[in-house]
Amino acid sequence: KNGGQLFLPAAGYCIGNSLRGAGSDCYYWSSSLFEDLLDSAYNLGFGSDNRTGGYRYYGQSVRPVCP
């Protein structure tokens, strides 16, 4: 239906009560944890700081995809 494309809105992320990067940054959680830091996980991100992971208490988006 969507031509094989996936839309990832730039929803930003939250740290505590602070929303950061809305409209310019997008970070989406993966299901893979950092092996050395149990409170962190990998993510897919496009934004100003180009993080590849983050603490799991960061409020980042989750984009479910049906195979």
Protein backbone atom coordinates (compact mmCIF):
# COMPACT_ATOMS: atom_id res chain seq x y z
CA LYS A 1 0.00 0.00 0.00
CA ASN A 2 2.83 2.41 0.77
CA GLY A 3 5.20 1.40 -2.04
CA GLY A 4 7.69 -0.17 0.38
CA GLN A 5 8.43 3.14 2.11
CA LEU A 6 8.57 3.85 5.82
CA PHE A 7 7.83 7.33 7.21
CA LEU A 8 9.86 8.33 10.27
CA PRO A 9 8.67 11.68 11.66
CA ALA A 10 11.16 13.93 13.45
CA ALA A 11 9.47 13.56 16.83
CA GLY A 12 12.56 14.47 18.86
CA TYR A 13 13.17 12.82 22.22
CA CYS A 14 12.54 13.48 25.91
CA ILE A 15 14.92 13.63 28.82
CA GLY A 16 12.88 13.97 31.97
CA ASN A 17 10.17 16.53 31.19
CA SER A 18 12.21 18.24 28.47
CA LEU A 19 11.35 17.64 24.80
CA ARG A 20 14.41 18.10 22.58
CA GLY A 21 14.81 18.23 18.82
CA ALA A 22 11.13 18.03 17.86
CA GLY A 23 10.80 18.85 14.17
CA SER A 24 14.49 18.31 13.40
CA ASP A 25 15.70 15.15 15.16
CA CYS A 26 14.30 11.63 15.17
CA TYR A 27 15.45 8.70 17.26
CA TYR A 28 13.79 5.30 17.27
CA TRP A 29 14.58 2.48 19.66
CA SER A 30 15.88 -0.83 18.38
CA SER A 31 15.30 -4.05 20.28
CA SER A 32 19.06 -4.48 20.91
CA LEU A 33 20.62 -3.57 24.24
CA PHE A 34 24.18 -2.35 24.62
CA GLU A 35 26.04 -5.37 25.92
CA ASP A 36 28.31 -3.35 28.24
CA LEU A 37 25.68 -0.92 29.54
CA LEU A 38 22.48 -2.63 30.65
CA ASP A 39 20.66 0.69 31.01
CA SER A 40 21.32 1.59 27.35
CA ALA A 41 20.11 0.40 23.95
CA TYR A 42 20.88 0.99 20.29
CA ASN A 43 18.72 3.27 18.21
CA LEU A 44 18.23 4.52 14.69
CA GLY A 45 18.70 8.24 14.67
CA PHE A 46 18.90 11.24 12.42
CA GLY A 47 19.61 14.48 14.15
CA SER A 48 21.96 17.13 15.37
CA ASP A 49 23.98 14.93 17.72
CA ASN A 50 23.95 11.67 15.65
CA ARG A 51 23.70 9.36 18.65
CA THR A 52 23.74 5.62 17.99
CA GLY A 53 22.24 4.73 21.33
CA GLY A 54 20.99 6.10 24.56
CA TYR A 55 19.84 5.43 28.06
CA ARG A 56 16.61 3.48 28.06
CA TYR A 57 14.94 6.11 30.25
CA TYR A 58 15.18 8.61 27.36
CA GLY A 59 11.79 9.06 25.75
CA GLN A 60 12.37 7.98 22.17
CA SER A 61 9.90 6.87 19.57
CA VAL A 62 9.00 3.30 18.71
CA ARG A 63 7.86 2.59 15.12
CA PRO A 64 6.09 -0.78 14.86
CA VAL A 65 6.32 -2.40 11.44
CA CYS A 66 4.26 -5.36 10.32
CA PRO A 67 6.23 -7.79 8.09
